[in-house]
PDB file of N, CA and C in Angstrom:
ATOM      1  N   MET A   1      81.036 108.893 110.157  1.00  0.00           N
ATOM      2  CA  MET A   1      81.714 108.222 109.067  1.00  0.00           C
ATOM      3  C   MET A   1      80.947 106.964 108.700  1.00  0.00           C
ATOM      4  N   LYS A   2      80.846 106.719 107.442  1.00  0.00           N
ATOM      5  CA  LYS A   2      80.167 105.512 106.975  1.00  0.00           C
ATOM      6  C   LYS A   2      80.982 104.281 107.349  1.00  0.00           C
ATOM      7  N   SER A   3      80.292 103.156 107.536  1.00  0.00           N
ATOM      8  CA  SER A   3      81.026 101.937 107.848  1.00  0.00           C
ATOM      9  C   SER A   3      81.523 101.240 106.588  1.00  0.00           C
ATOM     10  N   LYS A   4      80.909 101.520 105.437  1.00  0.00           N
ATOM     11  CA  LYS A   4      81.341 100.915 104.176  1.00  0.00           C
ATOM     12  C   LYS A   4      82.241 101.903 103.440  1.00  0.00           C
ATOM     13  N   ILE A   5      83.416 101.423 103.035  1.00  0.00           N
ATOM     14  CA  ILE A   5      84.389 102.277 102.359  1.00  0.00           C
ATOM     15  C   ILE A   5      84.843 101.580 101.089  1.00  0.00           C
ATOM     16  N   ASN A   6      84.805 102.298  99.984  1.00  0.00           N
ATOM     17  CA  ASN A   6      85.316 101.767  98.725  1.00  0.00           C
ATOM     18  C   ASN A   6      86.750 102.270  98.589  1.00  0.00           C
ATOM     19  N   ILE A   7      87.721 101.368  98.745  1.00  0.00           N
ATOM     20  CA  ILE A   7      89.128 101.769  98.756  1.00  0.00           C
ATOM     21  C   ILE A   7      89.576 102.356  97.419  1.00  0.00           C
ATOM     22  N   PRO A   8      89.258 101.754  96.257  1.00  0.00           N
ATOM     23  CA  PRO A   8      89.685 102.392  94.990  1.00  0.00           C
ATOM     24  C   PRO A   8      89.147 103.814  94.822  1.00  0.00           C
ATOM     25  N   VAL A   9      87.910 104.061  95.223  1.00  0.00           N
ATOM     26  CA  VAL A   9      87.351 105.415  95.142  1.00  0.00           C
ATOM     27  C   VAL A   9      88.105 106.337  96.106  1.00  0.00           C
ATOM     28  N   SER A  10      88.368 105.861  97.311  1.00  0.00           N
ATOM     29  CA  SER A  10      89.103 106.668  98.286  1.00  0.00           C
ATOM     30  C   SER A  10      90.496 107.008  97.779  1.00  0.00           C
ATOM     31  N   LEU A  11      91.160 106.043  97.136  1.00  0.00           N
ATOM     32  CA  LEU A  11      92.501 106.299  96.598  1.00  0.00           C
ATOM     33  C   LEU A  11      92.471 107.379  95.525  1.00  0.00           C
ATOM     34  N   LYS A  12      91.396 107.435  94.739  1.00  0.00           N
ATOM     35  CA  LYS A  12      91.290 108.476  93.707  1.00  0.00           C
ATOM     36  C   LYS A  12      91.254 109.870  94.327  1.00  0.00           C
ATOM     37  N   ASN A  13      90.793 109.971  95.582  1.00  0.00           N
ATOM     38  CA  ASN A  13      90.728 111.259  96.264  1.00  0.00           C
ATOM     39  C   ASN A  13      92.081 111.709  96.813  1.00  0.00           C
ATOM     40  N   ILE A  14      93.061 110.810  96.834  1.00  0.00           N
ATOM     41  CA  ILE A  14      94.395 111.170  97.316  1.00  0.00           C
ATOM     42  C   ILE A  14      95.179 111.753  96.152  1.00  0.00           C
ATOM     43  N   LYS A  15      95.556 113.013  96.277  1.00  0.00           N
ATOM     44  CA  LYS A  15      96.246 113.703  95.187  1.00  0.00           C
ATOM     45  C   LYS A  15      97.767 113.706  95.365  1.00  0.00           C
ATOM     46  N   ASN A  16      98.255 113.564  96.587  1.00  0.00           N
ATOM     47  CA  ASN A  16      99.685 113.678  96.863  1.00  0.00           C
ATOM     48  C   ASN A  16     100.289 112.356  97.303  1.00  0.00           C
ATOM     49  N   HIS A  17     101.497 112.086  96.837  1.00  0.00           N
ATOM     50  CA  HIS A  17     102.232 110.916  97.292  1.00  0.00           C
ATOM     51  C   HIS A  17     102.756 111.166  98.712  1.00  0.00           C
ATOM     52  N   PHE A  18     103.001 110.085  99.431  1.00  0.00           N
ATOM     53  CA  PHE A  18     103.555 110.133 100.787  1.00  0.00           C
ATOM     54  C   PHE A  18     102.654 110.898 101.751  1.00  0.00           C
ATOM     55  N   SER A  19     101.360 110.841 101.529  1.00  0.00           N
ATOM     56  CA  SER A  19     100.413 111.549 102.385  1.00  0.00           C
ATOM     57  C   SER A  19      99.323 110.577 102.841  1.00  0.00           C
ATOM     58  N   PRO A  20      99.619 109.765 103.878  1.00  0.00           N
ATOM     59  CA  PRO A  20      98.644 108.760 104.329  1.00  0.00           C
ATOM     60  C   PRO A  20      97.326 109.399 104.745  1.00  0.00           C
ATOM     61  N   LYS A  21      96.240 108.713 104.458  1.00  0.00           N
ATOM     62  CA  LYS A  21      94.912 109.171 104.847  1.00  0.00           C
ATOM     63  C   LYS A  21      94.233 108.091 105.679  1.00  0.00           C
ATOM     64  N   ILE A  22      93.706 108.488 106.795  1.00  0.00           N
ATOM     65  CA  ILE A  22      92.999 107.568 107.688  1.00  0.00           C
ATOM     66  C   ILE A  22      91.628 107.291 107.086  1.00  0.00           C
ATOM     67  N   ILE A  23      91.319 106.007 106.870  1.00  0.00           N
ATOM     68  CA  ILE A  23      90.007 105.651 106.329  1.00  0.00           C
ATOM     69  C   ILE A  23      89.151 104.927 107.359  1.00  0.00           C
ATOM     70  N   GLY A  24      89.742 104.585 108.495  1.00  0.00           N
ATOM     71  CA  GLY A  24      88.980 103.910 109.533  1.00  0.00           C
ATOM     72  C   GLY A  24      89.826 103.670 110.766  1.00  0.00           C
ATOM     73  N   GLU A  25      89.157 103.194 111.786  1.00  0.00           N
ATOM     74  CA  GLU A  25      89.874 102.837 113.008  1.00  0.00           C
ATOM     75  C   GLU A  25      89.199 101.630 113.644  1.00  0.00           C
ATOM     76  N   VAL A  26      90.024 100.794 114.225  1.00  0.00           N
ATOM     77  CA  VAL A  26      89.555  99.618 114.941  1.00  0.00           C
ATOM     78  C   VAL A  26      90.270  99.633 116.276  1.00  0.00           C
ATOM     79  N   ASP A  27      89.493  99.734 117.342  1.00  0.00           N
ATOM     80  CA  ASP A  27      90.075  99.818 118.683  1.00  0.00           C
ATOM     81  C   ASP A  27      91.165 100.884 118.711  1.00  0.00           C
ATOM     82  N   ASN A  28      92.417 100.476 118.939  1.00  0.00           N
ATOM     83  CA  ASN A  28      93.498 101.442 119.109  1.00  0.00           C
ATOM     84  C   ASN A  28      94.397 101.556 117.887  1.00  0.00           C
ATOM     85  N   VAL A  29      93.869 101.207 116.698  1.00  0.00           N
ATOM     86  CA  VAL A  29      94.678 101.317 115.482  1.00  0.00           C
ATOM     87  C   VAL A  29      93.950 102.116 114.414  1.00  0.00           C
ATOM     88  N   TYR A  30      94.748 102.767 113.573  1.00  0.00           N
ATOM     89  CA  TYR A  30      94.227 103.452 112.402  1.00  0.00           C
ATOM     90  C   TYR A  30      94.454 102.572 111.187  1.00  0.00           C
ATOM     91  N   ILE A  31      93.524 102.613 110.267  1.00  0.00           N
ATOM     92  CA  ILE A  31      93.666 101.990 108.967  1.00  0.00           C
ATOM     93  C   ILE A  31      93.853 103.142 107.989  1.00  0.00           C
ATOM     94  N   LYS A  32      94.971 103.108 107.256  1.00  0.00           N
ATOM     95  CA  LYS A  32      95.329 104.210 106.372  1.00  0.00           C
ATOM     96  C   LYS A  32      95.585 103.681 104.967  1.00  0.00           C
ATOM     97  N   ILE A  33      95.388 104.553 103.995  1.00  0.00           N
ATOM     98  CA  ILE A  33      95.803 104.253 102.629  1.00  0.00           C
ATOM     99  C   ILE A  33      96.742 105.366 102.183  1.00  0.00           C
ATOM    100  N   VAL A  34      97.652 105.009 101.278  1.00  0.00           N
ATOM    101  CA  VAL A  34      98.655 105.984 100.842  1.00  0.00           C
ATOM    102  C   VAL A  34      99.156 105.593  99.461  1.00  0.00           C
ATOM    103  N   LYS A  35      99.609 106.606  98.725  1.00  0.00           N
ATOM    104  CA  LYS A  35     100.264 106.397  97.437  1.00  0.00           C
ATOM    105  C   LYS A  35     101.744 106.739  97.617  1.00  0.00           C
ATOM    106  N   ILE A  36     102.612 105.855  97.124  1.00  0.00           N
ATOM    107  CA  ILE A  36     104.057 106.051  97.227  1.00  0.00           C
ATOM    108  C   ILE A  36     104.627 106.119  95.812  1.00  0.00           C
ATOM    109  N   LEU A  37     105.552 107.044  95.592  1.00  0.00           N
ATOM    110  CA  LEU A  37     106.279 107.119  94.326  1.00  0.00           C
ATOM    111  C   LEU A  37     107.623 107.778  94.604  1.00  0.00           C
ATOM    112  N   GLY A  38     108.685 107.027  94.433  1.00  0.00           N
ATOM    113  CA  GLY A  38     110.015 107.574  94.673  1.00  0.00           C
ATOM    114  C   GLY A  38     110.615 107.068  95.970  1.00  0.00           C
ATOM    115  N   GLU A  39     111.606 107.835  96.440  1.00  0.00           N
ATOM    116  CA  GLU A  39     112.417 107.384  97.575  1.00  0.00           C
ATOM    117  C   GLU A  39     112.469 108.400  98.704  1.00  0.00           C
ATOM    118  N   LYS A  40     111.360 109.026  99.034  1.00  0.00           N
ATOM    119  CA  LYS A  40     111.372 110.073 100.051  1.00  0.00           C
ATOM    120  C   LYS A  40     111.197 109.567 101.485  1.00  0.00           C
ATOM    121  N   VAL A  41     110.781 108.312 101.660  1.00  0.00           N
ATOM    122  CA  VAL A  41     110.581 107.803 103.021  1.00  0.00           C
ATOM    123  C   VAL A  41     111.949 107.581 103.651  1.00  0.00           C
ATOM    124  N   PRO A  42     112.225 108.222 104.798  1.00  0.00           N
ATOM    125  CA  PRO A  42     113.537 108.090 105.433  1.00  0.00           C
ATOM    126  C   PRO A  42     113.662 106.770 106.215  1.00  0.00           C
ATOM    127  N   TRP A  43     114.900 106.391 106.509  1.00  0.00           N
ATOM    128  CA  TRP A  43     115.107 105.297 107.448  1.00  0.00           C
ATOM    129  C   TRP A  43     114.467 105.712 108.767  1.00  0.00           C
ATOM    130  N   HIS A  44     113.683 104.835 109.350  1.00  0.00           N
ATOM    131  CA  HIS A  44     113.034 105.141 110.623  1.00  0.00           C
ATOM    132  C   HIS A  44     112.593 103.851 111.293  1.00  0.00           C
ATOM    133  N   ASN A  45     112.132 103.971 112.522  1.00  0.00           N
ATOM    134  CA  ASN A  45     111.516 102.837 113.203  1.00  0.00           C
ATOM    135  C   ASN A  45     110.398 103.353 114.088  1.00  0.00           C
ATOM    136  N   HIS A  46     109.622 102.444 114.571  1.00  0.00           N
ATOM    137  CA  HIS A  46     108.542 102.760 115.500  1.00  0.00           C
ATOM    138  C   HIS A  46     108.903 102.040 116.791  1.00  0.00           C
ATOM    139  N   LYS A  47     109.381 102.825 117.746  1.00  0.00           N
ATOM    140  CA  LYS A  47     109.955 102.282 118.973  1.00  0.00           C
ATOM    141  C   LYS A  47     109.020 101.328 119.707  1.00  0.00           C
ATOM    142  N   ASP A  48     107.737 101.655 119.751  1.00  0.00           N
ATOM    143  CA  ASP A  48     106.799 100.877 120.569  1.00  0.00           C
ATOM    144  C   ASP A  48     105.675 100.214 119.782  1.00  0.00           C
ATOM    145  N   GLU A  49     105.700 100.323 118.449  1.00  0.00           N
ATOM    146  CA  GLU A  49     104.575  99.816 117.667  1.00  0.00           C
ATOM    147  C   GLU A  49     105.045  99.013 116.457  1.00  0.00           C
ATOM    148  N   ASP A  50     104.291  97.962 116.127  1.00  0.00           N
ATOM    149  CA  ASP A  50     104.469  97.247 114.870  1.00  0.00           C
ATOM    150  C   ASP A  50     103.739  98.041 113.780  1.00  0.00           C
ATOM    151  N   GLU A  51     104.074  97.777 112.517  1.00  0.00           N
ATOM    152  CA  GLU A  51     103.430  98.455 111.392  1.00  0.00           C
ATOM    153  C   GLU A  51     103.139  97.419 110.308  1.00  0.00           C
ATOM    154  N   LEU A  52     101.913  97.425 109.794  1.00  0.00           N
ATOM    155  CA  LEU A  52     101.512  96.474 108.767  1.00  0.00           C
ATOM    156  C   LEU A  52     101.399  97.182 107.426  1.00  0.00           C
ATOM    157  N   PHE A  53     102.002  96.577 106.380  1.00  0.00           N
ATOM    158  CA  PHE A  53     101.909  97.050 105.008  1.00  0.00           C
ATOM    159  C   PHE A  53     101.133  96.014 104.203  1.00  0.00           C
ATOM    160  N   TYR A  54     100.141  96.467 103.441  1.00  0.00           N
ATOM    161  CA  TYR A  54      99.410  95.579 102.527  1.00  0.00           C
ATOM    162  C   TYR A  54      99.351  96.281 101.179  1.00  0.00           C
ATOM    163  N   ILE A  55      99.863  95.624 100.132  1.00  0.00           N
ATOM    164  CA  ILE A  55      99.946  96.244  98.817  1.00  0.00           C
ATOM    165  C   ILE A  55      98.621  96.084  98.078  1.00  0.00           C
ATOM    166  N   LEU A  56      98.010  97.216  97.739  1.00  0.00           N
ATOM    167  CA  LEU A  56      96.743  97.237  97.009  1.00  0.00           C
ATOM    168  C   LEU A  56      96.965  97.249  95.504  1.00  0.00           C
ATOM    169  N   GLU A  57      98.026  97.932  95.063  1.00  0.00           N
ATOM    170  CA  GLU A  57      98.316  98.062  93.629  1.00  0.00           C
ATOM    171  C   GLU A  57      99.783  98.435  93.479  1.00  0.00           C
ATOM    172  N   GLY A  58     100.454  97.844  92.497  1.00  0.00           N
ATOM    173  CA  GLY A  58     101.843  98.177  92.225  1.00  0.00           C
ATOM    174  C   GLY A  58     102.825  97.343  93.029  1.00  0.00           C
ATOM    175  N   SER A  59     104.050  97.875  93.146  1.00  0.00           N
ATOM    176  CA  SER A  59     105.134  97.189  93.845  1.00  0.00           C
ATOM    177  C   SER A  59     105.825  98.151  94.798  1.00  0.00           C
ATOM    178  N   LEU A  60     106.326  97.615  95.892  1.00  0.00           N
ATOM    179  CA  LEU A  60     107.005  98.395  96.918  1.00  0.00           C
ATOM    180  C   LEU A  60     108.328  97.733  97.244  1.00  0.00           C
ATOM    181  N   GLU A  61     109.385  98.513  97.265  1.00  0.00           N
ATOM    182  CA  GLU A  61     110.698  98.028  97.683  1.00  0.00           C
ATOM    183  C   GLU A  61     110.813  98.271  99.191  1.00  0.00           C
ATOM    184  N   VAL A  62     111.134  97.228  99.929  1.00  0.00           N
ATOM    185  CA  VAL A  62     111.236  97.321 101.390  1.00  0.00           C
ATOM    186  C   VAL A  62     112.689  97.066 101.777  1.00  0.00           C
ATOM    187  N   GLU A  63     113.231  97.978 102.569  1.00  0.00           N
ATOM    188  CA  GLU A  63     114.583  97.811 103.096  1.00  0.00           C
ATOM    189  C   GLU A  63     114.488  97.711 104.615  1.00  0.00           C
ATOM    190  N   ILE A  64     115.079  96.661 105.136  1.00  0.00           N
ATOM    191  CA  ILE A  64     115.152  96.419 106.575  1.00  0.00           C
ATOM    192  C   ILE A  64     116.634  96.445 106.935  1.00  0.00           C
ATOM    193  N   GLU A  65     116.982  97.194 107.949  1.00  0.00           N
ATOM    194  CA  GLU A  65     118.389  97.325 108.330  1.00  0.00           C
ATOM    195  C   GLU A  65     119.041  95.960 108.544  1.00  0.00           C
ATOM    196  N   ASN A  66     120.232  95.785 107.958  1.00  0.00           N
ATOM    197  CA  ASN A  66     121.047  94.571 108.079  1.00  0.00           C
ATOM    198  C   ASN A  66     120.403  93.331 107.470  1.00  0.00           C
ATOM    199  N   GLU A  67     119.455  93.522 106.544  1.00  0.00           N
ATOM    200  CA  GLU A  67     118.835  92.401 105.839  1.00  0.00           C
ATOM    201  C   GLU A  67     118.774  92.743 104.353  1.00  0.00           C
ATOM    202  N   PRO A  68     118.691  91.734 103.489  1.00  0.00           N
ATOM    203  CA  PRO A  68     118.530  92.033 102.061  1.00  0.00           C
ATOM    204  C   PRO A  68     117.184  92.722 101.809  1.00  0.00           C
ATOM    205  N   SER A  69     117.182  93.689 100.904  1.00  0.00           N
ATOM    206  CA  SER A  69     115.920  94.344 100.563  1.00  0.00           C
ATOM    207  C   SER A  69     115.065  93.362  99.762  1.00  0.00           C
ATOM    208  N   PHE A  70     113.770  93.627  99.704  1.00  0.00           N
ATOM    209  CA  PHE A  70     112.858  92.752  98.971  1.00  0.00           C
ATOM    210  C   PHE A  70     111.718  93.567  98.397  1.00  0.00           C
ATOM    211  N   GLN A  71     111.061  92.990  97.416  1.00  0.00           N
ATOM    212  CA  GLN A  71     109.943  93.657  96.748  1.00  0.00           C
ATOM    213  C   GLN A  71     108.625  93.030  97.190  1.00  0.00           C
ATOM    214  N   MET A  72     107.656  93.889  97.440  1.00  0.00           N
ATOM    215  CA  MET A  72     106.295  93.453  97.709  1.00  0.00           C
ATOM    216  C   MET A  72     105.444  93.812  96.503  1.00  0.00           C
ATOM    217  N   ASN A  73     104.509  92.941  96.158  1.00  0.00           N
ATOM    218  CA  ASN A  73     103.619  93.165  95.025  1.00  0.00           C
ATOM    219  C   ASN A  73     102.165  93.104  95.482  1.00  0.00           C
ATOM    220  N   LYS A  74     101.264  93.480  94.588  1.00  0.00           N
ATOM    221  CA  LYS A  74      99.830  93.485  94.889  1.00  0.00           C
ATOM    222  C   LYS A  74      99.426  92.199  95.613  1.00  0.00           C
ATOM    223  N   GLY A  75      98.737  92.377  96.739  1.00  0.00           N
ATOM    224  CA  GLY A  75      98.273  91.241  97.536  1.00  0.00           C
ATOM    225  C   GLY A  75      99.225  90.819  98.638  1.00  0.00           C
ATOM    226  N   ASP A  76     100.474  91.338  98.622  1.00  0.00           N
ATOM    227  CA  ASP A  76     101.443  90.975  99.664  1.00  0.00           C
ATOM    228  C   ASP A  76     101.209  91.780 100.934  1.00  0.00           C
ATOM    229  N   LEU A  77     101.488  91.144 102.055  1.00  0.00           N
ATOM    230  CA  LEU A  77     101.361  91.758 103.374  1.00  0.00           C
ATOM    231  C   LEU A  77     102.661  91.531 104.120  1.00  0.00           C
ATOM    232  N   TYR A  78     103.114  92.538 104.850  1.00  0.00           N
ATOM    233  CA  TYR A  78     104.338  92.416 105.641  1.00  0.00           C
ATOM    234  C   TYR A  78     104.187  93.235 106.908  1.00  0.00           C
ATOM    235  N   ILE A  79     104.678  92.707 108.008  1.00  0.00           N
ATOM    236  CA  ILE A  79     104.636  93.411 109.289  1.00  0.00           C
ATOM    237  C   ILE A  79     106.057  93.736 109.713  1.00  0.00           C
ATOM    238  N   VAL A  80     106.327  95.020 109.922  1.00  0.00           N
ATOM    239  CA  VAL A  80     107.603  95.473 110.461  1.00  0.00           C
ATOM    240  C   VAL A  80     107.430  95.519 111.974  1.00  0.00           C
ATOM    241  N   LYS A  81     108.256  94.771 112.678  1.00  0.00           N
ATOM    242  CA  LYS A  81     108.147  94.709 114.130  1.00  0.00           C
ATOM    243  C   LYS A  81     108.692  95.996 114.765  1.00  0.00           C
ATOM    244  N   ARG A  82     108.195  96.306 115.922  1.00  0.00           N
ATOM    245  CA  ARG A  82     108.610  97.519 116.635  1.00  0.00           C
ATOM    246  C   ARG A  82     110.129  97.563 116.808  1.00  0.00           C
ATOM    247  N   GLY A  83     110.665  98.770 116.681  1.00  0.00           N
ATOM    248  CA  GLY A  83     112.090  98.984 116.878  1.00  0.00           C
ATOM    249  C   GLY A  83     112.969  98.630 115.693  1.00  0.00           C
ATOM    250  N   VAL A  84     112.414  98.094 114.601  1.00  0.00           N
ATOM    251  CA  VAL A  84     113.203  97.682 113.439  1.00  0.00           C
ATOM    252  C   VAL A  84     113.325  98.852 112.456  1.00  0.00           C
ATOM    253  N   ASN A  85     114.567  99.247 112.151  1.00  0.00           N
ATOM    254  CA  ASN A  85     114.796 100.320 111.186  1.00  0.00           C
ATOM    255  C   ASN A  85     114.418  99.834 109.789  1.00  0.00           C
ATOM    256  N   HIS A  86     113.661 100.674 109.081  1.00  0.00           N
ATOM    257  CA  HIS A  86     113.191 100.305 107.758  1.00  0.00           C
ATOM    258  C   HIS A  86     112.911 101.546 106.928  1.00  0.00           C
ATOM    259  N   LYS A  87     112.802 101.332 105.619  1.00  0.00           N
ATOM    260  CA  LYS A  87     112.343 102.385 104.706  1.00  0.00           C
ATOM    261  C   LYS A  87     111.740 101.704 103.495  1.00  0.00           C
ATOM    262  N   VAL A  88     110.862 102.424 102.813  1.00  0.00           N
ATOM    263  CA  VAL A  88     110.192 101.883 101.634  1.00  0.00           C
ATOM    264  C   VAL A  88     110.303 102.883 100.496  1.00  0.00           C
ATOM    265  N   SER A  89     110.222 102.352  99.269  1.00  0.00           N
ATOM    266  CA  SER A  89     110.249 103.203  98.082  1.00  0.00           C
ATOM    267  C   SER A  89     109.545 102.471  96.953  1.00  0.00           C
ATOM    268  N   SER A  90     109.288 103.196  95.863  1.00  0.00           N
ATOM    269  CA  SER A  90     108.638 102.591  94.712  1.00  0.00           C
ATOM    270  C   SER A  90     109.054 103.336  93.452  1.00  0.00           C
ATOM    271  N   GLN A  91     109.493 102.586  92.434  1.00  0.00           N
ATOM    272  CA  GLN A  91     109.877 103.212  91.164  1.00  0.00           C
ATOM    273  C   GLN A  91     108.658 103.684  90.382  1.00  0.00           C
ATOM    274  N   ASN A  92     107.540 102.977  90.520  1.00  0.00           N
ATOM    275  CA  ASN A  92     106.268 103.368  89.914  1.00  0.00           C
ATOM    276  C   ASN A  92     105.259 103.532  91.044  1.00  0.00           C
ATOM    277  N   GLU A  93     104.193 104.256  90.786  1.00  0.00           N
ATOM    278  CA  GLU A  93     103.223 104.513  91.848  1.00  0.00           C
ATOM    279  C   GLU A  93     102.721 103.205  92.467  1.00  0.00           C
ATOM    280  N   CYS A  94     102.729 103.178  93.782  1.00  0.00           N
ATOM    281  CA  CYS A  94     102.270 102.022  94.547  1.00  0.00           C
ATOM    282  C   CYS A  94     101.190 102.500  95.516  1.00  0.00           C
ATOM    283  N   HIS A  95     100.104 101.734  95.606  1.00  0.00           N
ATOM    284  CA  HIS A  95      99.022 102.035  96.546  1.00  0.00           C
ATOM    285  C   HIS A  95      99.091 101.003  97.657  1.00  0.00           C
ATOM    286  N   LEU A  96      99.061 101.462  98.889  1.00  0.00           N
ATOM    287  CA  LEU A  96      99.113 100.506  99.978  1.00  0.00           C
ATOM    288  C   LEU A  96      98.235 100.903 101.141  1.00  0.00           C
ATOM    289  N   MET A  97      97.926  99.893 101.935  1.00  0.00           N
ATOM    290  CA  MET A  97      97.194 100.080 103.173  1.00  0.00           C
ATOM    291  C   MET A  97      98.179  99.905 104.315  1.00  0.00           C
ATOM    292  N   LEU A  98      98.080 100.772 105.295  1.00  0.00           N
ATOM    293  CA  LEU A  98      98.891 100.694 106.499  1.00  0.00           C
ATOM    294  C   LEU A  98      97.963 100.477 107.684  1.00  0.00           C
ATOM    295  N   ILE A  99      98.384  99.664 108.598  1.00  0.00           N
ATOM    296  CA  ILE A  99      97.669  99.530 109.858  1.00  0.00           C
ATOM    297  C   ILE A  99      98.683  99.846 110.947  1.00  0.00           C
ATOM    298  N   GLU A 100      98.392 100.910 111.701  1.00  0.00           N
ATOM    299  CA  GLU A 100      99.324 101.414 112.711  1.00  0.00           C
ATOM    300  C   GLU A 100      98.569 101.776 113.982  1.00  0.00           C
ATOM    301  N   ASN A 101      99.220 101.580 115.123  1.00  0.00           N
ATOM    302  CA  ASN A 101      98.644 102.048 116.382  1.00  0.00           C
ATOM    303  C   ASN A 101      98.423 103.556 116.303  1.00  0.00           C
ATOM    304  N   LYS A 102      97.424 104.029 117.005  1.00  0.00           N
ATOM    305  CA  LYS A 102      97.139 105.463 116.995  1.00  0.00           C
ATOM    306  C   LYS A 102      98.313 106.276 117.536  1.00  0.00           C
ATOM    307  N   SER A 103      99.155 105.651 118.343  1.00  0.00           N
ATOM    308  CA  SER A 103     100.308 106.354 118.914  1.00  0.00           C
ATOM    309  C   SER A 103     101.485 106.435 117.947  1.00  0.00           C
ATOM    310  N   ALA A 104     101.448 105.693 116.843  1.00  0.00           N
ATOM    311  CA  ALA A 104     102.593 105.629 115.918  1.00  0.00           C
ATOM    312  C   ALA A 104     102.708 106.903 115.084  1.00  0.00           C
ATOM    313  N   LEU A 105     103.926 107.409 114.974  1.00  0.00           N
ATOM    314  CA  LEU A 105     104.231 108.491 114.050  1.00  0.00           C
ATOM    315  C   LEU A 105     104.659 107.820 112.756  1.00  0.00           C
ATOM    316  N   HIS A 106     104.083 108.199 111.627  1.00  0.00           N
ATOM    317  CA  HIS A 106     104.300 107.415 110.407  1.00  0.00           C
ATOM    318  C   HIS A 106     105.723 107.425 109.904  1.00  0.00           C
ATOM    319  N   THR A 107     106.547 108.396 110.292  1.00  0.00           N
ATOM    320  CA  THR A 107     107.976 108.322 109.980  1.00  0.00           C
ATOM    321  C   THR A 107     108.792 108.206 111.270  1.00  0.00           C
ATOM    322  N   GLY A 108     108.197 107.571 112.272  1.00  0.00           N
ATOM    323  CA  GLY A 108     108.893 107.389 113.541  1.00  0.00           C
ATOM    324  C   GLY A 108     109.268 108.736 114.138  1.00  0.00           C
ATOM    325  N   GLU A 109     110.459 108.814 114.691  1.00  0.00           N
ATOM    326  CA  GLU A 109     110.929 110.071 115.276  1.00  0.00           C
ATOM    327  C   GLU A 109     111.782 110.863 114.305  1.00  0.00           C
ATOM    328  N   VAL A 110     111.745 110.483 113.019  1.00  0.00           N
ATOM    329  CA  VAL A 110     112.479 111.191 111.965  1.00  0.00           C
ATOM    330  C   VAL A 110     111.484 112.104 111.256  1.00  0.00           C
ATOM    331  N   PHE A 111     111.782 113.396 111.246  1.00  0.00           N
ATOM    332  CA  PHE A 111     110.871 114.364 110.638  1.00  0.00           C
ATOM    333  C   PHE A 111     111.483 114.917 109.358  1.00  0.00           C
ATOM    334  N   THR A 112     110.758 114.749 108.229  1.00  0.00           N
ATOM    335  CA  THR A 112     111.211 115.238 106.928  1.00  0.00           C
ATOM    336  C   THR A 112     110.049 115.945 106.247  1.00  0.00           C
ATOM    337  N   GLU A 113     110.254 116.334 104.996  1.00  0.00           N
ATOM    338  CA  GLU A 113     109.214 117.025 104.232  1.00  0.00           C
ATOM    339  C   GLU A 113     107.946 116.196 104.068  1.00  0.00           C
ATOM    340  N   ILE A 114     108.036 114.869 104.189  1.00  0.00           N
ATOM    341  CA  ILE A 114     106.849 114.026 103.991  1.00  0.00           C
ATOM    342  C   ILE A 114     106.130 113.698 105.291  1.00  0.00           C
ATOM    343  N   THR A 115     106.707 114.064 106.443  1.00  0.00           N
ATOM    344  CA  THR A 115     106.089 113.745 107.726  1.00  0.00           C
ATOM    345  C   THR A 115     104.762 114.482 107.865  1.00  0.00           C
ATOM    346  N   LYS A 116     103.719 113.740 108.230  1.00  0.00           N
ATOM    347  CA  LYS A 116     102.381 114.310 108.391  1.00  0.00           C
ATOM    348  C   LYS A 116     101.888 114.058 109.815  1.00  0.00           C
ATOM    349  N   THR A 117     101.245 115.056 110.383  1.00  0.00           N
ATOM    350  CA  THR A 117     100.605 114.887 111.686  1.00  0.00           C
ATOM    351  C   THR A 117      99.322 114.076 111.500  1.00  0.00           C
ATOM    352  N   ILE A 118      98.750 113.619 112.586  1.00  0.00           N
ATOM    353  CA  ILE A 118      97.466 112.917 112.497  1.00  0.00           C
ATOM    354  C   ILE A 118      96.416 113.852 111.902  1.00  0.00           C
ATOM    355  N   ALA A 119      96.439 115.128 112.264  1.00  0.00           N
ATOM    356  CA  ALA A 119      95.477 116.087 111.704  1.00  0.00           C
ATOM    357  C   ALA A 119      95.610 116.165 110.183  1.00  0.00           C
ATOM    358  N   GLU A 120      96.832 116.084 109.665  1.00  0.00           N
ATOM    359  CA  GLU A 120      97.048 116.123 108.217  1.00  0.00           C
ATOM    360  C   GLU A 120      96.658 114.815 107.531  1.00  0.00           C
ATOM    361  N   GLN A 121      96.490 113.772 108.332  1.00  0.00           N
ATOM    362  CA  GLN A 121      96.051 112.480 107.800  1.00  0.00           C
ATOM    363  C   GLN A 121      94.544 112.333 107.981  1.00  0.00           C
ATOM    364  N   LYS A 122      93.848 113.449 108.032  1.00  0.00           N
ATOM    365  CA  LYS A 122      92.416 113.504 108.328  1.00  0.00           C
ATOM    366  C   LYS A 122      91.606 112.484 107.532  1.00  0.00           C
ATOM    367  N   TRP A 123      90.458 112.180 108.049  1.00  0.00           N
ATOM    368  CA  TRP A 123      89.535 111.234 107.416  1.00  0.00           C
ATOM    369  C   TRP A 123      89.174 111.712 106.023  1.00  0.00           C
ATOM    370  N   LEU A 124      89.175 110.793 105.102  1.00  0.00           N
ATOM    371  CA  LEU A 124      88.711 111.109 103.755  1.00  0.00           C
ATOM    372  C   LEU A 124      87.199 111.176 103.747  1.00  0.00           C
ATOM    373  N   LYS A 125      86.661 112.025 102.927  1.00  0.00           N
ATOM    374  CA  LYS A 125      85.202 112.052 102.737  1.00  0.00           C
ATOM    375  C   LYS A 125      84.849 110.995 101.717  1.00  0.00           C
ATOM    376  N   HIS A 126      83.924 110.149 102.041  1.00  0.00           N
ATOM    377  CA  HIS A 126      83.536 109.038 101.147  1.00  0.00           C
ATOM    378  C   HIS A 126      82.214 109.345 100.491  1.00  0.00           C
TER     379      HIS A 126
END
């Protein structure tokens, strides 16, 4: 894999929403990019891992259990701490970067139509 990655070009290669793609790894974490549109992400948590969201383009609605929901916009970063129930959605297409431990399941222990295995999140060709 090349060490230089052009994120906008990589995002153009993603055809499906809710389908994270691994673009790199640092030590024990994956760096992923994903396109979100709609409300298909279920309430879930990551029992043993934190999860980082960084908005590349668009807006993301973030819901944290027992807290007011909030909107993230391009350039915003938010870390969901381990064990915290959360879900995200977007009324218009949103592009984001995720940083997750390699052990993290992207929808936690909740399996739905959008749940992808690590194999399905295969490296993008750059």
